[in-house]
Amino acid sequence: MFGWGVSDFFANDASDKVGHTRALFWSQIIGLSAMGLLALILPSSFSFNPFICMLILLSGIGYAMGYLFFYKAFEIGNVSIVSAAINFYVIFTIGIAYFLFGQTLTPIQIPALILLLIGVTLISINFNDLKKGETSLTKGVKETLTAAVMFGVFYWPINEYVVERVDWLAASFVTKLVAILTVLLIAQTQKKKLSITKQTNKLKLTIVAVGLLEAFAVISMSYGVSLGDVIIVAPIASALTVITVGMAMIFLKEKISKTQGIGIAAVIVGIILTAF
């Protein structure tokens, strides 16, 4: 939740300035390097059978396509709308976890997750702007919903299946490597330049921050689903909007509305209740 909340705050800026493909490619390179160093420190096994390799390949492609669409949405759309819409990946993930994996929730966790999702929506959308017609609901929404399908159907459910059976850190490393190669292939096919040598040091540091924080988020959640169930881990992670809004308040001096305040309270209560 923390890793994605902060990285999304910076990813929006990076995507606006260098484009979604370059922002994603170089941030993933940074993240892969960090995971590689961690794999050298922690004992990791890169032993996978052919079926697991196939699943990691599919998961990595879904991961790459999800982020390409997500960062594209940041580039062209409204940040608040994009941040709200991406959390719909949780609906797909919960559905698959329940119907295919047989995962269940306690009587308290069901309303807790509903409360959490409602809170995320209240935080993300400025209803005053919607009433005035100042916020566009079209730009970036299609891309964000496509990203939500990629994450919710092709990445997290497969990732959980994999990390429950093999080393979670090794699987995360290889998945990210597959994602980078996928982005590189797409960039070459579309003849897009990936160089950022002419960019400012400040922007390069922003991309480094995005890569490190996103990698921190991915390995944290992968470790979480290796121990527990994605049906409960994914909704908690989706509360990243609390972090993004908090940073906007601190660094951009943005004020929250009463609706957003209620949303933050709902998210906090929802996260606490998921433990029961």
C-alpha atoms as a PDB file:
ATOM      1  CA  MET A   1       0.000   0.000   0.000  1.00  0.00           C
ATOM      2  CA  PHE A   2       2.773   2.408   0.962  1.00  0.00           C
ATOM      3  CA  GLY A   3       5.042   1.461  -1.946  1.00  0.00           C
ATOM      4  CA  TRP A   4       2.381   1.870  -4.623  1.00  0.00           C
ATOM      5  CA  GLY A   5       0.858   4.948  -3.042  1.00  0.00           C
ATOM      6  CA  VAL A   6       4.167   6.841  -3.140  1.00  0.00           C
ATOM      7  CA  SER A   7       5.390   5.433  -6.468  1.00  0.00           C
ATOM      8  CA  ASP A   8       2.124   6.362  -8.214  1.00  0.00           C
ATOM      9  CA  PHE A   9       2.519   9.920  -6.947  1.00  0.00           C
ATOM     10  CA  PHE A  10       5.897  10.151  -8.708  1.00  0.00           C
ATOM     11  CA  ALA A  11       4.961   7.957 -11.697  1.00  0.00           C
ATOM     12  CA  ASN A  12       2.331  10.459 -12.773  1.00  0.00           C
ATOM     13  CA  ASP A  13       4.985  13.180 -13.019  1.00  0.00           C
ATOM     14  CA  ALA A  14       7.476  10.916 -14.829  1.00  0.00           C
ATOM     15  CA  SER A  15       4.876   9.717 -17.361  1.00  0.00           C
ATOM     16  CA  ASP A  16       3.860  13.293 -18.131  1.00  0.00           C
ATOM     17  CA  LYS A  17       7.463  14.339 -18.828  1.00  0.00           C
ATOM     18  CA  VAL A  18       9.031  11.383 -20.671  1.00  0.00           C
ATOM     19  CA  GLY A  19       6.033   9.344 -21.779  1.00  0.00           C
ATOM     20  CA  HIS A  20       4.575   6.194 -20.258  1.00  0.00           C
ATOM     21  CA  THR A  21       6.812   3.703 -22.091  1.00  0.00           C
ATOM     22  CA  ARG A  22      10.133   5.262 -21.080  1.00  0.00           C
ATOM     23  CA  ALA A  23       8.949   5.936 -17.519  1.00  0.00           C
ATOM     24  CA  LEU A  24       7.904   2.307 -17.147  1.00  0.00           C
ATOM     25  CA  PHE A  25      10.979   0.792 -18.820  1.00  0.00           C
ATOM     26  CA  TRP A  26      13.605   2.600 -16.746  1.00  0.00           C
ATOM     27  CA  SER A  27      11.699   2.363 -13.466  1.00  0.00           C
ATOM     28  CA  GLN A  28      11.416  -1.406 -14.005  1.00  0.00           C
ATOM     29  CA  ILE A  29      15.160  -1.628 -14.712  1.00  0.00           C
ATOM     30  CA  ILE A  30      15.785   0.067 -11.363  1.00  0.00           C
ATOM     31  CA  GLY A  31      13.329  -2.257  -9.635  1.00  0.00           C
ATOM     32  CA  LEU A  32      14.896  -5.358 -11.199  1.00  0.00           C
ATOM     33  CA  SER A  33      18.352  -4.246 -10.023  1.00  0.00           C
ATOM     34  CA  ALA A  34      17.041  -3.802  -6.476  1.00  0.00           C
ATOM     35  CA  MET A  35      15.419  -7.251  -6.529  1.00  0.00           C
ATOM     36  CA  GLY A  36      18.648  -8.761  -7.857  1.00  0.00           C
ATOM     37  CA  LEU A  37      20.616  -7.311  -4.945  1.00  0.00           C
ATOM     38  CA  LEU A  38      18.013  -8.596  -2.496  1.00  0.00           C
ATOM     39  CA  ALA A  39      18.178 -12.057  -4.071  1.00  0.00           C
ATOM     40  CA  LEU A  40      21.939 -12.083  -3.455  1.00  0.00           C
ATOM     41  CA  ILE A  41      21.399 -11.245   0.221  1.00  0.00           C
ATOM     42  CA  LEU A  42      18.476 -13.593   0.886  1.00  0.00           C
ATOM     43  CA  PRO A  43      18.734 -17.304   0.018  1.00  0.00           C
ATOM     44  CA  SER A  44      16.718 -17.689  -3.206  1.00  0.00           C
ATOM     45  CA  SER A  45      15.988 -20.694  -5.397  1.00  0.00           C
ATOM     46  CA  PHE A  46      15.472 -20.168  -9.127  1.00  0.00           C
ATOM     47  CA  SER A  47      14.366 -23.751  -9.733  1.00  0.00           C
ATOM     48  CA  PHE A  48      11.095 -23.815 -11.730  1.00  0.00           C
ATOM     49  CA  ASN A  49       9.360 -26.630 -13.574  1.00  0.00           C
ATOM     50  CA  PRO A  50       8.106 -26.039 -17.165  1.00  0.00           C
ATOM     51  CA  PHE A  51       4.523 -25.365 -16.053  1.00  0.00           C
ATOM     52  CA  ILE A  52       5.623 -22.726 -13.518  1.00  0.00           C
ATOM     53  CA  CYS A  53       7.854 -21.155 -16.191  1.00  0.00           C
ATOM     54  CA  MET A  54       4.844 -20.878 -18.504  1.00  0.00           C
ATOM     55  CA  LEU A  55       2.788 -19.252 -15.759  1.00  0.00           C
ATOM     56  CA  ILE A  56       5.576 -16.780 -14.926  1.00  0.00           C
ATOM     57  CA  LEU A  57       5.810 -15.869 -18.616  1.00  0.00           C
ATOM     58  CA  LEU A  58       2.060 -15.216 -18.779  1.00  0.00           C
ATOM     59  CA  SER A  59       2.145 -13.306 -15.490  1.00  0.00           C
ATOM     60  CA  GLY A  60       5.068 -11.141 -16.652  1.00  0.00           C
ATOM     61  CA  ILE A  61       3.328 -10.230 -19.892  1.00  0.00           C
ATOM     62  CA  GLY A  62       0.144  -9.330 -17.990  1.00  0.00           C
ATOM     63  CA  TYR A  63       2.222  -7.276 -15.543  1.00  0.00           C
ATOM     64  CA  ALA A  64       3.900  -5.365 -18.393  1.00  0.00           C
ATOM     65  CA  MET A  65       0.682  -4.716 -20.316  1.00  0.00           C
ATOM     66  CA  GLY A  66      -1.090  -3.640 -17.130  1.00  0.00           C
ATOM     67  CA  TYR A  67       1.552  -1.057 -16.322  1.00  0.00           C
ATOM     68  CA  LEU A  68       1.781   0.195 -19.908  1.00  0.00           C
ATOM     69  CA  PHE A  69      -1.947   0.937 -19.922  1.00  0.00           C
ATOM     70  CA  PHE A  70      -1.833   2.309 -16.354  1.00  0.00           C
ATOM     71  CA  TYR A  71       1.035   4.721 -17.046  1.00  0.00           C
ATOM     72  CA  LYS A  72      -0.597   5.701 -20.340  1.00  0.00           C
ATOM     73  CA  ALA A  73      -3.690   6.636 -18.329  1.00  0.00           C
ATOM     74  CA  PHE A  74      -1.521   8.813 -16.061  1.00  0.00           C
ATOM     75  CA  GLU A  75      -0.115  10.496 -19.152  1.00  0.00           C
ATOM     76  CA  ILE A  76      -3.471  11.427 -20.693  1.00  0.00           C
ATOM     77  CA  GLY A  77      -6.038  11.313 -17.888  1.00  0.00           C
ATOM     78  CA  ASN A  78      -7.088  12.815 -14.586  1.00  0.00           C
ATOM     79  CA  VAL A  79      -4.966  11.479 -11.723  1.00  0.00           C
ATOM     80  CA  SER A  80      -7.876  11.164  -9.279  1.00  0.00           C
ATOM     81  CA  ILE A  81     -10.044   9.234 -11.734  1.00  0.00           C
ATOM     82  CA  VAL A  82      -7.156   6.979 -12.760  1.00  0.00           C
ATOM     83  CA  SER A  83      -6.266   6.272  -9.118  1.00  0.00           C
ATOM     84  CA  ALA A  84      -9.870   5.306  -8.397  1.00  0.00           C
ATOM     85  CA  ALA A  85     -10.438   3.172 -11.479  1.00  0.00           C
ATOM     86  CA  ILE A  86      -7.275   1.066 -11.142  1.00  0.00           C
ATOM     87  CA  ASN A  87      -8.560  -0.335  -7.854  1.00  0.00           C
ATOM     88  CA  PHE A  88     -11.221  -2.263  -9.761  1.00  0.00           C
ATOM     89  CA  TYR A  89      -8.530  -4.904 -10.284  1.00  0.00           C
ATOM     90  CA  VAL A  90      -9.465  -6.052  -6.784  1.00  0.00           C
ATOM     91  CA  ILE A  91     -12.936  -7.097  -7.956  1.00  0.00           C
ATOM     92  CA  PHE A  92     -11.444  -9.452 -10.557  1.00  0.00           C
ATOM     93  CA  THR A  93      -8.855 -10.774  -8.099  1.00  0.00           C
ATOM     94  CA  ILE A  94     -11.435 -11.450  -5.383  1.00  0.00           C
ATOM     95  CA  GLY A  95     -13.750 -13.165  -7.894  1.00  0.00           C
ATOM     96  CA  ILE A  96     -11.016 -15.510  -9.121  1.00  0.00           C
ATOM     97  CA  ALA A  97      -9.779 -16.197  -5.578  1.00  0.00           C
ATOM     98  CA  TYR A  98     -13.301 -17.095  -4.456  1.00  0.00           C
ATOM     99  CA  PHE A  99     -14.587 -19.098  -7.434  1.00  0.00           C
ATOM    100  CA  LEU A 100     -11.363 -20.757  -8.657  1.00  0.00           C
ATOM    101  CA  PHE A 101      -9.103 -20.955  -5.594  1.00  0.00           C
ATOM    102  CA  GLY A 102     -11.864 -21.588  -3.044  1.00  0.00           C
ATOM    103  CA  GLN A 103     -10.699 -18.779  -0.742  1.00  0.00           C
ATOM    104  CA  THR A 104     -13.254 -17.412   1.719  1.00  0.00           C
ATOM    105  CA  LEU A 105     -13.750 -14.443   4.004  1.00  0.00           C
ATOM    106  CA  THR A 106     -14.968 -14.208   7.591  1.00  0.00           C
ATOM    107  CA  PRO A 107     -18.349 -12.549   8.285  1.00  0.00           C
ATOM    108  CA  ILE A 108     -16.474  -9.439   9.466  1.00  0.00           C
ATOM    109  CA  GLN A 109     -14.054  -9.322   6.531  1.00  0.00           C
ATOM    110  CA  ILE A 110     -16.820  -9.133   3.909  1.00  0.00           C
ATOM    111  CA  PRO A 111     -18.265  -5.780   5.087  1.00  0.00           C
ATOM    112  CA  ALA A 112     -14.698  -4.663   5.872  1.00  0.00           C
ATOM    113  CA  LEU A 113     -13.655  -5.067   2.234  1.00  0.00           C
ATOM    114  CA  ILE A 114     -16.825  -3.343   1.021  1.00  0.00           C
ATOM    115  CA  LEU A 115     -16.108  -0.456   3.403  1.00  0.00           C
ATOM    116  CA  LEU A 116     -12.498  -0.320   2.199  1.00  0.00           C
ATOM    117  CA  LEU A 117     -13.465  -0.166  -1.494  1.00  0.00           C
ATOM    118  CA  ILE A 118     -16.094   2.510  -0.825  1.00  0.00           C
ATOM    119  CA  GLY A 119     -13.494   4.509   1.103  1.00  0.00           C
ATOM    120  CA  VAL A 120     -10.970   4.277  -1.752  1.00  0.00           C
ATOM    121  CA  THR A 121     -13.584   5.592  -4.195  1.00  0.00           C
ATOM    122  CA  LEU A 122     -14.565   8.485  -1.904  1.00  0.00           C
ATOM    123  CA  ILE A 123     -10.910   9.486  -1.519  1.00  0.00           C
ATOM    124  CA  SER A 124     -10.067   9.295  -5.197  1.00  0.00           C
ATOM    125  CA  ILE A 125     -12.920  11.213  -6.784  1.00  0.00           C
ATOM    126  CA  ASN A 126     -13.515  14.910  -6.226  1.00  0.00           C
ATOM    127  CA  PHE A 127     -17.310  15.002  -6.281  1.00  0.00           C
ATOM    128  CA  ASN A 128     -17.376  18.803  -6.262  1.00  0.00           C
ATOM    129  CA  ASP A 129     -15.513  18.838  -9.582  1.00  0.00           C
ATOM    130  CA  LEU A 130     -17.857  16.195 -10.958  1.00  0.00           C
ATOM    131  CA  LYS A 131     -20.889  18.316 -10.078  1.00  0.00           C
ATOM    132  CA  LYS A 132     -19.331  21.330 -11.813  1.00  0.00           C
ATOM    133  CA  GLY A 133     -18.431  19.270 -14.845  1.00  0.00           C
ATOM    134  CA  GLU A 134     -14.754  20.129 -14.449  1.00  0.00           C
ATOM    135  CA  THR A 135     -13.486  16.541 -14.345  1.00  0.00           C
ATOM    136  CA  SER A 136     -13.427  14.370 -17.438  1.00  0.00           C
ATOM    137  CA  LEU A 137     -14.481  10.774 -16.927  1.00  0.00           C
ATOM    138  CA  THR A 138     -13.393   9.692 -20.388  1.00  0.00           C
ATOM    139  CA  LYS A 139      -9.678  10.416 -20.737  1.00  0.00           C
ATOM    140  CA  GLY A 140      -7.626   7.564 -19.387  1.00  0.00           C
ATOM    141  CA  VAL A 141     -10.561   5.523 -18.052  1.00  0.00           C
ATOM    142  CA  LYS A 142     -10.500   2.973 -20.879  1.00  0.00           C
ATOM    143  CA  GLU A 143      -6.758   2.472 -20.415  1.00  0.00           C
ATOM    144  CA  THR A 144      -7.106   2.210 -16.636  1.00  0.00           C
ATOM    145  CA  LEU A 145      -9.882  -0.389 -16.796  1.00  0.00           C
ATOM    146  CA  THR A 146      -7.806  -2.404 -19.278  1.00  0.00           C
ATOM    147  CA  ALA A 147      -4.906  -2.231 -16.815  1.00  0.00           C
ATOM    148  CA  ALA A 148      -7.245  -3.369 -14.020  1.00  0.00           C
ATOM    149  CA  VAL A 149      -8.173  -6.466 -16.049  1.00  0.00           C
ATOM    150  CA  MET A 150      -4.498  -7.229 -16.729  1.00  0.00           C
ATOM    151  CA  PHE A 151      -3.580  -6.923 -13.045  1.00  0.00           C
ATOM    152  CA  GLY A 152      -6.709  -8.558 -11.648  1.00  0.00           C
ATOM    153  CA  VAL A 153      -6.968 -11.489 -14.072  1.00  0.00           C
ATOM    154  CA  PHE A 154      -3.539 -12.165 -15.558  1.00  0.00           C
ATOM    155  CA  TYR A 155      -1.092 -11.001 -12.905  1.00  0.00           C
ATOM    156  CA  TRP A 156      -2.079 -11.303  -9.247  1.00  0.00           C
ATOM    157  CA  PRO A 157      -4.062 -14.581  -9.340  1.00  0.00           C
ATOM    158  CA  ILE A 158      -1.303 -16.281 -11.345  1.00  0.00           C
ATOM    159  CA  ASN A 159       1.348 -14.697  -9.136  1.00  0.00           C
ATOM    160  CA  GLU A 160      -0.303 -16.112  -6.017  1.00  0.00           C
ATOM    161  CA  TYR A 161      -0.461 -19.600  -7.519  1.00  0.00           C
ATOM    162  CA  VAL A 162       3.246 -19.382  -8.403  1.00  0.00           C
ATOM    163  CA  VAL A 163       4.652 -17.919  -5.163  1.00  0.00           C
ATOM    164  CA  GLU A 164       2.788 -20.514  -3.090  1.00  0.00           C
ATOM    165  CA  ARG A 165       4.781 -23.229  -4.881  1.00  0.00           C
ATOM    166  CA  VAL A 166       8.221 -21.712  -5.561  1.00  0.00           C
ATOM    167  CA  ASP A 167      10.541 -19.088  -4.081  1.00  0.00           C
ATOM    168  CA  TRP A 168       8.538 -15.846  -3.953  1.00  0.00           C
ATOM    169  CA  LEU A 169      11.533 -13.538  -4.504  1.00  0.00           C
ATOM    170  CA  ALA A 170      12.923 -15.541  -7.416  1.00  0.00           C
ATOM    171  CA  ALA A 171       9.487 -15.643  -9.042  1.00  0.00           C
ATOM    172  CA  SER A 172       9.079 -11.872  -8.611  1.00  0.00           C
ATOM    173  CA  PHE A 173      12.526 -11.258 -10.133  1.00  0.00           C
ATOM    174  CA  VAL A 174      11.865 -13.391 -13.216  1.00  0.00           C
ATOM    175  CA  THR A 175       8.364 -11.909 -13.645  1.00  0.00           C
ATOM    176  CA  LYS A 176       9.807  -8.409 -13.662  1.00  0.00           C
ATOM    177  CA  LEU A 177      12.509  -9.507 -16.143  1.00  0.00           C
ATOM    178  CA  VAL A 178       9.816 -10.868 -18.468  1.00  0.00           C
ATOM    179  CA  ALA A 179       7.913  -7.580 -18.108  1.00  0.00           C
ATOM    180  CA  ILE A 180      10.992  -5.530 -19.066  1.00  0.00           C
ATOM    181  CA  LEU A 181      11.632  -7.675 -22.136  1.00  0.00           C
ATOM    182  CA  THR A 182       7.956  -7.309 -23.099  1.00  0.00           C
ATOM    183  CA  VAL A 183       8.122  -3.506 -22.835  1.00  0.00           C
ATOM    184  CA  LEU A 184      11.399  -3.492 -24.804  1.00  0.00           C
ATOM    185  CA  LEU A 185       9.861  -5.625 -27.563  1.00  0.00           C
ATOM    186  CA  ILE A 186       6.790  -3.385 -27.783  1.00  0.00           C
ATOM    187  CA  ALA A 187       8.964  -0.250 -27.881  1.00  0.00           C
ATOM    188  CA  GLN A 188      11.076  -1.717 -30.691  1.00  0.00           C
ATOM    189  CA  THR A 189       7.969  -2.750 -32.635  1.00  0.00           C
ATOM    190  CA  GLN A 190       6.489   0.742 -32.306  1.00  0.00           C
ATOM    191  CA  LYS A 191       9.926   2.323 -32.972  1.00  0.00           C
ATOM    192  CA  LYS A 192       9.852   4.274 -29.714  1.00  0.00           C
ATOM    193  CA  LYS A 193      13.077   5.658 -28.273  1.00  0.00           C
ATOM    194  CA  LEU A 194      13.809   4.684 -24.691  1.00  0.00           C
ATOM    195  CA  SER A 195      16.781   6.959 -23.983  1.00  0.00           C
ATOM    196  CA  ILE A 196      16.481   9.480 -21.131  1.00  0.00           C
ATOM    197  CA  THR A 197      20.072  10.793 -21.238  1.00  0.00           C
ATOM    198  CA  LYS A 198      18.928  14.334 -22.026  1.00  0.00           C
ATOM    199  CA  GLN A 199      16.538  14.530 -19.084  1.00  0.00           C
ATOM    200  CA  THR A 200      17.259  16.449 -15.867  1.00  0.00           C
ATOM    201  CA  ASN A 201      18.830  14.770 -12.852  1.00  0.00           C
ATOM    202  CA  LYS A 202      15.698  15.559 -10.860  1.00  0.00           C
ATOM    203  CA  LEU A 203      13.548  13.599 -13.297  1.00  0.00           C
ATOM    204  CA  LYS A 204      16.021  10.709 -13.306  1.00  0.00           C
ATOM    205  CA  LEU A 205      15.867  10.593  -9.505  1.00  0.00           C
ATOM    206  CA  THR A 206      12.074  10.564  -9.741  1.00  0.00           C
ATOM    207  CA  ILE A 207      12.218   7.515 -12.015  1.00  0.00           C
ATOM    208  CA  VAL A 208      14.659   5.826  -9.613  1.00  0.00           C
ATOM    209  CA  ALA A 209      12.226   6.478  -6.754  1.00  0.00           C
ATOM    210  CA  VAL A 210       9.342   5.036  -8.786  1.00  0.00           C
ATOM    211  CA  GLY A 211      11.348   1.898  -9.565  1.00  0.00           C
ATOM    212  CA  LEU A 212      12.491   1.270  -5.998  1.00  0.00           C
ATOM    213  CA  LEU A 213       9.099   1.932  -4.426  1.00  0.00           C
ATOM    214  CA  GLU A 214       7.198  -0.142  -6.985  1.00  0.00           C
ATOM    215  CA  ALA A 215       9.616  -3.048  -6.514  1.00  0.00           C
ATOM    216  CA  PHE A 216       9.182  -2.728  -2.741  1.00  0.00           C
ATOM    217  CA  ALA A 217       5.401  -2.913  -3.217  1.00  0.00           C
ATOM    218  CA  VAL A 218       5.542  -5.943  -5.527  1.00  0.00           C
ATOM    219  CA  ILE A 219       7.841  -8.041  -3.347  1.00  0.00           C
ATOM    220  CA  SER A 220       5.888  -7.066  -0.223  1.00  0.00           C
ATOM    221  CA  MET A 221       2.608  -8.208  -1.722  1.00  0.00           C
ATOM    222  CA  SER A 222       4.192 -11.314  -3.293  1.00  0.00           C
ATOM    223  CA  TYR A 223       5.545 -12.241   0.135  1.00  0.00           C
ATOM    224  CA  GLY A 224       2.123 -11.521   1.616  1.00  0.00           C
ATOM    225  CA  VAL A 225       0.253 -13.818  -0.783  1.00  0.00           C
ATOM    226  CA  SER A 226       2.913 -16.519  -0.295  1.00  0.00           C
ATOM    227  CA  LEU A 227       1.813 -16.609   3.368  1.00  0.00           C
ATOM    228  CA  GLY A 228      -1.860 -15.633   3.164  1.00  0.00           C
ATOM    229  CA  ASP A 229      -4.677 -15.324   0.627  1.00  0.00           C
ATOM    230  CA  VAL A 230      -4.842 -12.779  -2.180  1.00  0.00           C
ATOM    231  CA  ILE A 231      -8.560 -12.345  -1.471  1.00  0.00           C
ATOM    232  CA  ILE A 232      -7.598 -10.375   1.662  1.00  0.00           C
ATOM    233  CA  VAL A 233      -4.132  -9.063   0.705  1.00  0.00           C
ATOM    234  CA  ALA A 234      -5.156  -7.361  -2.564  1.00  0.00           C
ATOM    235  CA  PRO A 235      -7.908  -5.125  -1.111  1.00  0.00           C
ATOM    236  CA  ILE A 236      -5.565  -3.873   1.632  1.00  0.00           C
ATOM    237  CA  ALA A 237      -2.942  -3.004  -0.995  1.00  0.00           C
ATOM    238  CA  SER A 238      -5.597  -1.171  -3.022  1.00  0.00           C
ATOM    239  CA  ALA A 239      -5.879   1.366  -0.192  1.00  0.00           C
ATOM    240  CA  LEU A 240      -2.759   2.993  -1.694  1.00  0.00           C
ATOM    241  CA  THR A 241      -4.946   6.001  -2.533  1.00  0.00           C
ATOM    242  CA  VAL A 242      -4.723   7.054   1.138  1.00  0.00           C
ATOM    243  CA  ILE A 243      -0.959   7.477   0.708  1.00  0.00           C
ATOM    244  CA  THR A 244      -1.253   9.303  -2.627  1.00  0.00           C
ATOM    245  CA  VAL A 245      -3.808  11.771  -1.276  1.00  0.00           C
ATOM    246  CA  GLY A 246      -1.739  12.266   1.882  1.00  0.00           C
ATOM    247  CA  MET A 247       1.335  13.154  -0.188  1.00  0.00           C
ATOM    248  CA  ALA A 248      -0.695  15.577  -2.274  1.00  0.00           C
ATOM    249  CA  MET A 249      -1.801  17.285   0.940  1.00  0.00           C
ATOM    250  CA  ILE A 250       1.753  17.512   2.281  1.00  0.00           C
ATOM    251  CA  PHE A 251       3.787  18.351  -0.827  1.00  0.00           C
ATOM    252  CA  LEU A 252       1.225  19.982  -3.120  1.00  0.00           C
ATOM    253  CA  LYS A 253      -0.685  21.686  -0.288  1.00  0.00           C
ATOM    254  CA  GLU A 254      -3.940  20.201  -1.522  1.00  0.00           C
ATOM    255  CA  LYS A 255      -6.898  20.305   0.854  1.00  0.00           C
ATOM    256  CA  ILE A 256      -9.210  17.323   1.233  1.00  0.00           C
ATOM    257  CA  SER A 257     -12.970  17.581   1.129  1.00  0.00           C
ATOM    258  CA  LYS A 258     -15.282  16.245   3.835  1.00  0.00           C
ATOM    259  CA  THR A 259     -16.102  13.348   1.500  1.00  0.00           C
ATOM    260  CA  GLN A 260     -12.423  12.458   1.170  1.00  0.00           C
ATOM    261  CA  GLY A 261     -12.034  12.681   4.950  1.00  0.00           C
ATOM    262  CA  ILE A 262     -14.885  10.202   5.381  1.00  0.00           C
ATOM    263  CA  GLY A 263     -13.216   7.992   2.763  1.00  0.00           C
ATOM    264  CA  ILE A 264      -9.892   7.988   4.635  1.00  0.00           C
ATOM    265  CA  ALA A 265     -11.680   7.056   7.865  1.00  0.00           C
ATOM    266  CA  ALA A 266     -13.564   4.267   6.066  1.00  0.00           C
ATOM    267  CA  VAL A 267     -10.326   2.850   4.647  1.00  0.00           C
ATOM    268  CA  ILE A 268      -8.620   2.853   8.047  1.00  0.00           C
ATOM    269  CA  VAL A 269     -11.570   1.135   9.719  1.00  0.00           C
ATOM    270  CA  GLY A 270     -11.815  -1.330   6.816  1.00  0.00           C
ATOM    271  CA  ILE A 271      -8.145  -2.308   7.067  1.00  0.00           C
ATOM    272  CA  ILE A 272      -8.422  -2.828  10.829  1.00  0.00           C
ATOM    273  CA  LEU A 273     -11.500  -5.047  10.425  1.00  0.00           C
ATOM    274  CA  THR A 274      -9.807  -7.267   7.810  1.00  0.00           C
ATOM    275  CA  ALA A 275      -7.667  -8.702  10.606  1.00  0.00           C
ATOM    276  CA  PHE A 276     -10.694 -10.364  12.259  1.00  0.00           C
END
